Structure formats: C-alpha cells, structure tokens
Amino acid sequence: MFRNSVTLTLDSGEYRLKPTFQAIMDIEERLGGIIGLAVRAADGDFGLKEMTVIIWATMEDRLNFEQVGKLILAEGLAKASPVVRDLLILCLVGLNTPENSEENTEENAPD
C-alpha cells in the first residue's frame, strides 16, 4: 500500500487505486455516502456492484466499468474485499496521515 493509495492485481495487471475527491464523488453518486458504505461493508452487506464501483472510481488509469467488474469476478470477491476495505479506511481517516503532513517534517519542527 502506498501512503495515499492501494494497489490491486487483476489478471496480471497491477492497478493503483487512490480515493481522490472526484473518485469519492463518483462513488457517492452511484452508491450513496461513504460512511454508510463503510458500515454496510463492516456488516458484510457488500457485493460485486459496490466493489466494482469503488475500485473503478479510484483507479488512476481507469478501465471500462464492465471490464473492471468482470476482472473482479474472475479473480474472486475475496481478493478484492481487503482492497476495498483499505480504500474505505483511507476515505474515512483522510489522506493526510502524520507521516505525510508537512507539519511533521524536520524543517517545521519546533525548536
């Protein structure tokens, strides 16, 4: 996992997934709010549609939507599930983790 993204391998291709503002807007437009999705995912009420939308929307180099769904189905939902979980966590906790924050660099450290 990169600091602000995750990777997923589907059919020998490696895809970098990052929950950008636009990606989150696309997800919410198709599936509803991110917090509700996270709750549903935690309850196990999550399927191929949700996984496909989340993975497709966060792809840096987007494939065709249907192609993404077919690749996920071919690889198995169990393989995609942890990646979707990690993406939802990034959405909920934010992309500015302490290690990425400029405030925590030596240059900005208090004397």
N, C-alpha and C. Protein backbone atom coordinates (compact mmCIF):
# COMPACT_ATOMS: atom_id res chain seq x y z
N MET A 1 0.84 -1.18 0.00
CA MET A 1 0.00 0.00 0.00
C MET A 1 0.89 1.24 0.00
N PHE A 2 0.62 2.14 -0.94
CA PHE A 2 1.28 3.44 -0.93
C PHE A 2 0.68 4.25 0.22
N ARG A 3 1.28 5.38 0.52
CA ARG A 3 0.76 6.18 1.64
C ARG A 3 -0.68 6.62 1.44
N ASN A 4 -1.03 7.03 0.25
CA ASN A 4 -2.37 7.54 -0.01
C ASN A 4 -3.13 6.72 -1.03
N SER A 5 -2.69 5.52 -1.28
CA SER A 5 -3.34 4.68 -2.27
C SER A 5 -3.06 3.22 -1.97
N VAL A 6 -3.74 2.35 -2.67
CA VAL A 6 -3.52 0.92 -2.55
C VAL A 6 -3.34 0.35 -3.95
N THR A 7 -2.80 -0.83 -4.03
CA THR A 7 -2.66 -1.49 -5.33
C THR A 7 -3.50 -2.76 -5.34
N LEU A 8 -3.93 -3.11 -6.52
CA LEU A 8 -4.72 -4.32 -6.73
C LEU A 8 -4.24 -4.97 -8.01
N THR A 9 -3.99 -6.25 -7.95
CA THR A 9 -3.59 -7.01 -9.14
C THR A 9 -4.81 -7.77 -9.64
N LEU A 10 -5.14 -7.52 -10.90
CA LEU A 10 -6.24 -8.21 -11.56
C LEU A 10 -5.74 -8.72 -12.89
N ASP A 11 -5.82 -10.02 -13.09
CA ASP A 11 -5.41 -10.63 -14.35
C ASP A 11 -4.02 -10.17 -14.77
N SER A 12 -3.08 -10.27 -13.86
CA SER A 12 -1.66 -9.95 -14.09
C SER A 12 -1.39 -8.46 -14.26
N GLY A 13 -2.40 -7.62 -14.20
CA GLY A 13 -2.19 -6.18 -14.27
C GLY A 13 -2.26 -5.58 -12.88
N GLU A 14 -1.33 -4.68 -12.58
CA GLU A 14 -1.33 -4.03 -11.28
C GLU A 14 -1.91 -2.62 -11.42
N TYR A 15 -2.89 -2.32 -10.59
CA TYR A 15 -3.59 -1.05 -10.67
C TYR A 15 -3.44 -0.28 -9.37
N ARG A 16 -3.13 0.99 -9.50
CA ARG A 16 -3.03 1.86 -8.33
C ARG A 16 -4.37 2.54 -8.13
N LEU A 17 -4.89 2.45 -6.91
CA LEU A 17 -6.20 2.98 -6.58
C LEU A 17 -6.03 4.07 -5.53
N LYS A 18 -6.61 5.23 -5.81
CA LYS A 18 -6.47 6.36 -4.89
C LYS A 18 -7.83 7.05 -4.74
N PRO A 19 -8.29 7.22 -3.50
CA PRO A 19 -9.58 7.85 -3.28
C PRO A 19 -9.49 9.38 -3.36
N THR A 20 -9.48 9.90 -4.56
CA THR A 20 -9.44 11.35 -4.79
C THR A 20 -10.82 11.94 -4.54
N PHE A 21 -10.89 13.27 -4.52
CA PHE A 21 -12.18 13.94 -4.36
C PHE A 21 -13.15 13.49 -5.44
N GLN A 22 -12.70 13.49 -6.70
CA GLN A 22 -13.58 13.10 -7.80
C GLN A 22 -14.01 11.64 -7.67
N ALA A 23 -13.09 10.77 -7.24
CA ALA A 23 -13.43 9.37 -7.06
C ALA A 23 -14.53 9.20 -6.01
N ILE A 24 -14.39 9.93 -4.91
CA ILE A 24 -15.39 9.83 -3.85
C ILE A 24 -16.73 10.37 -4.34
N MET A 25 -16.72 11.44 -5.11
CA MET A 25 -17.97 11.96 -5.67
C MET A 25 -18.62 10.94 -6.60
N ASP A 26 -17.81 10.26 -7.41
CA ASP A 26 -18.34 9.22 -8.31
C ASP A 26 -18.94 8.06 -7.52
N ILE A 27 -18.25 7.66 -6.46
CA ILE A 27 -18.74 6.56 -5.61
C ILE A 27 -20.07 6.95 -4.97
N GLU A 28 -20.10 8.14 -4.37
CA GLU A 28 -21.32 8.57 -3.68
C GLU A 28 -22.49 8.77 -4.64
N GLU A 29 -22.20 9.21 -5.85
CA GLU A 29 -23.26 9.38 -6.85
C GLU A 29 -23.90 8.04 -7.19
N ARG A 30 -23.09 7.00 -7.26
CA ARG A 30 -23.60 5.68 -7.66
C ARG A 30 -24.11 4.83 -6.50
N LEU A 31 -23.50 5.02 -5.29
CA LEU A 31 -23.80 4.10 -4.20
C LEU A 31 -24.30 4.73 -2.91
N GLY A 32 -24.22 6.04 -2.80
CA GLY A 32 -24.60 6.69 -1.55
C GLY A 32 -23.36 7.09 -0.77
N GLY A 33 -23.57 7.59 0.44
CA GLY A 33 -22.48 8.13 1.25
C GLY A 33 -21.42 7.12 1.64
N ILE A 34 -20.20 7.61 1.76
CA ILE A 34 -19.04 6.76 2.11
C ILE A 34 -19.20 6.13 3.49
N ILE A 35 -19.69 6.90 4.46
CA ILE A 35 -19.83 6.36 5.82
C ILE A 35 -20.83 5.21 5.82
N GLY A 36 -21.95 5.39 5.14
CA GLY A 36 -22.92 4.30 5.03
C GLY A 36 -22.35 3.08 4.34
N LEU A 37 -21.54 3.31 3.32
CA LEU A 37 -20.89 2.18 2.63
C LEU A 37 -19.96 1.43 3.57
N ALA A 38 -19.20 2.19 4.36
CA ALA A 38 -18.28 1.55 5.30
C ALA A 38 -19.03 0.72 6.33
N VAL A 39 -20.15 1.23 6.80
CA VAL A 39 -20.98 0.48 7.76
C VAL A 39 -21.52 -0.79 7.11
N ARG A 40 -22.02 -0.66 5.89
CA ARG A 40 -22.54 -1.84 5.18
C ARG A 40 -21.43 -2.86 4.94
N ALA A 41 -20.26 -2.38 4.57
CA ALA A 41 -19.13 -3.29 4.34
C ALA A 41 -18.76 -4.03 5.63
N ALA A 42 -18.75 -3.31 6.74
CA ALA A 42 -18.42 -3.93 8.03
C ALA A 42 -19.46 -4.97 8.42
N ASP A 43 -20.71 -4.76 8.01
CA ASP A 43 -21.78 -5.71 8.30
C ASP A 43 -21.82 -6.87 7.30
N GLY A 44 -20.95 -6.84 6.30
CA GLY A 44 -20.93 -7.90 5.30
C GLY A 44 -21.98 -7.73 4.22
N ASP A 45 -22.62 -6.58 4.17
CA ASP A 45 -23.68 -6.30 3.19
C ASP A 45 -23.08 -5.57 2.00
N PHE A 46 -22.24 -6.28 1.27
CA PHE A 46 -21.46 -5.69 0.20
C PHE A 46 -21.31 -6.71 -0.90
N GLY A 47 -21.44 -6.29 -2.15
CA GLY A 47 -21.35 -7.24 -3.24
C GLY A 47 -20.48 -6.75 -4.38
N LEU A 48 -20.60 -7.44 -5.48
CA LEU A 48 -19.80 -7.14 -6.67
C LEU A 48 -20.04 -5.72 -7.16
N LYS A 49 -21.29 -5.27 -7.14
CA LYS A 49 -21.59 -3.92 -7.62
C LYS A 49 -20.80 -2.88 -6.83
N GLU A 50 -20.87 -2.94 -5.51
CA GLU A 50 -20.18 -1.97 -4.67
C GLU A 50 -18.67 -2.04 -4.87
N MET A 51 -18.14 -3.24 -4.92
CA MET A 51 -16.69 -3.39 -5.12
C MET A 51 -16.26 -2.83 -6.47
N THR A 52 -17.05 -3.11 -7.49
CA THR A 52 -16.71 -2.63 -8.83
C THR A 52 -16.73 -1.11 -8.88
N VAL A 53 -17.76 -0.50 -8.32
CA VAL A 53 -17.85 0.97 -8.34
C VAL A 53 -16.67 1.58 -7.61
N ILE A 54 -16.36 1.08 -6.42
CA ILE A 54 -15.28 1.66 -5.62
C ILE A 54 -13.94 1.48 -6.30
N ILE A 55 -13.66 0.31 -6.81
CA ILE A 55 -12.38 0.07 -7.48
C ILE A 55 -12.30 0.88 -8.77
N TRP A 56 -13.33 0.85 -9.57
CA TRP A 56 -13.33 1.60 -10.84
C TRP A 56 -13.13 3.09 -10.60
N ALA A 57 -13.86 3.65 -9.64
CA ALA A 57 -13.80 5.09 -9.39
C ALA A 57 -12.44 5.54 -8.88
N THR A 58 -11.72 4.67 -8.20
CA THR A 58 -10.43 5.05 -7.61
C THR A 58 -9.23 4.69 -8.48
N MET A 59 -9.45 4.07 -9.62
CA MET A 59 -8.33 3.69 -10.50
C MET A 59 -7.65 4.93 -11.08
N GLU A 60 -6.34 4.98 -10.97
CA GLU A 60 -5.61 6.08 -11.59
C GLU A 60 -5.76 6.03 -13.11
N ASP A 61 -5.64 4.85 -13.66
CA ASP A 61 -5.84 4.65 -15.10
C ASP A 61 -7.09 3.78 -15.25
N ARG A 62 -8.22 4.43 -15.41
CA ARG A 62 -9.50 3.71 -15.43
C ARG A 62 -9.65 2.82 -16.64
N LEU A 63 -10.14 1.62 -16.35
CA LEU A 63 -10.56 0.70 -17.38
C LEU A 63 -12.05 0.92 -17.60
N ASN A 64 -12.62 0.23 -18.56
CA ASN A 64 -14.05 0.22 -18.78
C ASN A 64 -14.72 -0.37 -17.54
N PHE A 65 -15.83 0.23 -17.11
CA PHE A 65 -16.52 -0.20 -15.89
C PHE A 65 -16.85 -1.69 -15.91
N GLU A 66 -17.43 -2.15 -17.00
CA GLU A 66 -17.82 -3.57 -17.10
C GLU A 66 -16.59 -4.48 -17.05
N GLN A 67 -15.50 -4.03 -17.67
CA GLN A 67 -14.27 -4.81 -17.65
C GLN A 67 -13.75 -4.97 -16.23
N VAL A 68 -13.82 -3.91 -15.43
CA VAL A 68 -13.39 -3.98 -14.03
C VAL A 68 -14.21 -5.02 -13.28
N GLY A 69 -15.53 -4.97 -13.46
CA GLY A 69 -16.39 -5.94 -12.79
C GLY A 69 -16.08 -7.38 -13.18
N LYS A 70 -15.83 -7.60 -14.46
CA LYS A 70 -15.50 -8.95 -14.92
C LYS A 70 -14.17 -9.42 -14.36
N LEU A 71 -13.19 -8.52 -14.28
CA LEU A 71 -11.88 -8.88 -13.71
C LEU A 71 -12.00 -9.22 -12.23
N ILE A 72 -12.80 -8.44 -11.50
CA ILE A 72 -13.01 -8.73 -10.07
C ILE A 72 -13.68 -10.08 -9.91
N LEU A 73 -14.70 -10.34 -10.71
CA LEU A 73 -15.41 -11.60 -10.63
C LEU A 73 -14.49 -12.78 -10.97
N ALA A 74 -13.64 -12.60 -11.98
CA ALA A 74 -12.70 -13.67 -12.36
C ALA A 74 -11.69 -13.95 -11.26
N GLU A 75 -11.23 -12.90 -10.57
CA GLU A 75 -10.23 -13.07 -9.51
C GLU A 75 -10.87 -13.54 -8.21
N GLY A 76 -12.13 -13.22 -8.03
CA GLY A 76 -12.84 -13.58 -6.81
C GLY A 76 -13.04 -12.39 -5.89
N LEU A 77 -14.24 -12.30 -5.33
CA LEU A 77 -14.57 -11.19 -4.45
C LEU A 77 -13.69 -11.17 -3.20
N ALA A 78 -13.25 -12.34 -2.77
CA ALA A 78 -12.41 -12.40 -1.57
C ALA A 78 -11.08 -11.68 -1.78
N LYS A 79 -10.58 -11.66 -3.00
CA LYS A 79 -9.32 -10.96 -3.28
C LYS A 79 -9.52 -9.45 -3.28
N ALA A 80 -10.64 -8.98 -3.77
CA ALA A 80 -10.90 -7.55 -3.85
C ALA A 80 -11.37 -6.95 -2.53
N SER A 81 -11.96 -7.75 -1.69
CA SER A 81 -12.55 -7.25 -0.45
C SER A 81 -11.58 -6.50 0.45
N PRO A 82 -10.38 -7.01 0.72
CA PRO A 82 -9.45 -6.25 1.58
C PRO A 82 -9.00 -4.93 0.96
N VAL A 83 -8.92 -4.89 -0.35
CA VAL A 83 -8.53 -3.66 -1.04
C VAL A 83 -9.63 -2.61 -0.88
N VAL A 84 -10.87 -3.02 -1.04
CA VAL A 84 -11.99 -2.10 -0.87
C VAL A 84 -12.03 -1.61 0.57
N ARG A 85 -11.80 -2.51 1.51
CA ARG A 85 -11.74 -2.10 2.93
C ARG A 85 -10.68 -1.03 3.14
N ASP A 86 -9.48 -1.24 2.58
CA ASP A 86 -8.40 -0.26 2.73
C ASP A 86 -8.76 1.08 2.09
N LEU A 87 -9.42 1.04 0.94
CA LEU A 87 -9.85 2.28 0.28
C LEU A 87 -10.86 3.04 1.13
N LEU A 88 -11.81 2.32 1.71
CA LEU A 88 -12.80 2.96 2.56
C LEU A 88 -12.15 3.55 3.80
N ILE A 89 -11.17 2.86 4.35
CA ILE A 89 -10.44 3.40 5.51
C ILE A 89 -9.74 4.70 5.14
N LEU A 90 -9.09 4.72 3.97
CA LEU A 90 -8.44 5.96 3.52
C LEU A 90 -9.44 7.09 3.38
N CYS A 91 -10.62 6.78 2.89
CA CYS A 91 -11.67 7.81 2.76
C CYS A 91 -12.09 8.33 4.12
N LEU A 92 -12.20 7.44 5.09
CA LEU A 92 -12.71 7.83 6.41
C LEU A 92 -11.68 8.56 7.26
N VAL A 93 -10.42 8.14 7.18
CA VAL A 93 -9.39 8.76 8.04
C VAL A 93 -8.67 9.90 7.35
N GLY A 94 -8.83 10.01 6.06
CA GLY A 94 -8.19 11.09 5.32
C GLY A 94 -6.86 10.68 4.73
N LEU A 95 -6.45 11.43 3.74
CA LEU A 95 -5.21 11.13 3.04
C LEU A 95 -4.01 11.79 3.69
N ASN A 96 -4.23 12.74 4.58
CA ASN A 96 -3.12 13.43 5.23
C ASN A 96 -2.76 12.74 6.53
N THR A 97 -2.01 11.65 6.41
CA THR A 97 -1.55 10.94 7.58
C THR A 97 -0.37 11.69 8.19
N PRO A 98 -0.06 11.46 9.47
CA PRO A 98 1.04 12.18 10.10
C PRO A 98 2.36 12.08 9.35
N GLU A 99 2.65 10.94 8.77
CA GLU A 99 3.92 10.80 8.05
C GLU A 99 3.95 11.61 6.77
N ASN A 100 2.77 11.99 6.24
CA ASN A 100 2.70 12.78 5.01
C ASN A 100 2.56 14.27 5.27
N SER A 101 2.26 14.63 6.49
CA SER A 101 1.98 16.02 6.81
C SER A 101 3.25 16.85 6.82
N GLU A 102 3.17 18.04 6.19
CA GLU A 102 4.31 18.94 6.18
C GLU A 102 4.63 19.44 7.57
N GLU A 103 3.65 19.46 8.45
CA GLU A 103 3.86 19.94 9.80
C GLU A 103 4.81 19.06 10.58
N ASN A 104 4.99 17.83 10.15
CA ASN A 104 5.83 16.90 10.88
C ASN A 104 7.21 16.73 10.26
N THR A 105 7.60 17.58 9.37
CA THR A 105 8.94 17.49 8.81
C THR A 105 9.91 18.18 9.75
N GLU A 106 11.18 17.81 9.64
CA GLU A 106 12.21 18.40 10.50
C GLU A 106 12.28 19.91 10.32
N GLU A 107 12.05 20.40 9.11
CA GLU A 107 12.12 21.84 8.84
C GLU A 107 11.09 22.60 9.65
N ASN A 108 9.95 21.99 9.90
CA ASN A 108 8.88 22.68 10.62
C ASN A 108 8.80 22.27 12.08
N ALA A 109 9.76 21.48 12.55
CA ALA A 109 9.73 21.03 13.93
C ALA A 109 10.03 22.19 14.87
N PRO A 110 9.34 22.20 16.02
CA PRO A 110 9.60 23.29 16.99
C PRO A 110 11.03 23.21 17.51
N ASP A 111 11.59 24.37 17.84
CA ASP A 111 12.97 24.41 18.37
C ASP A 111 13.04 23.96 19.79
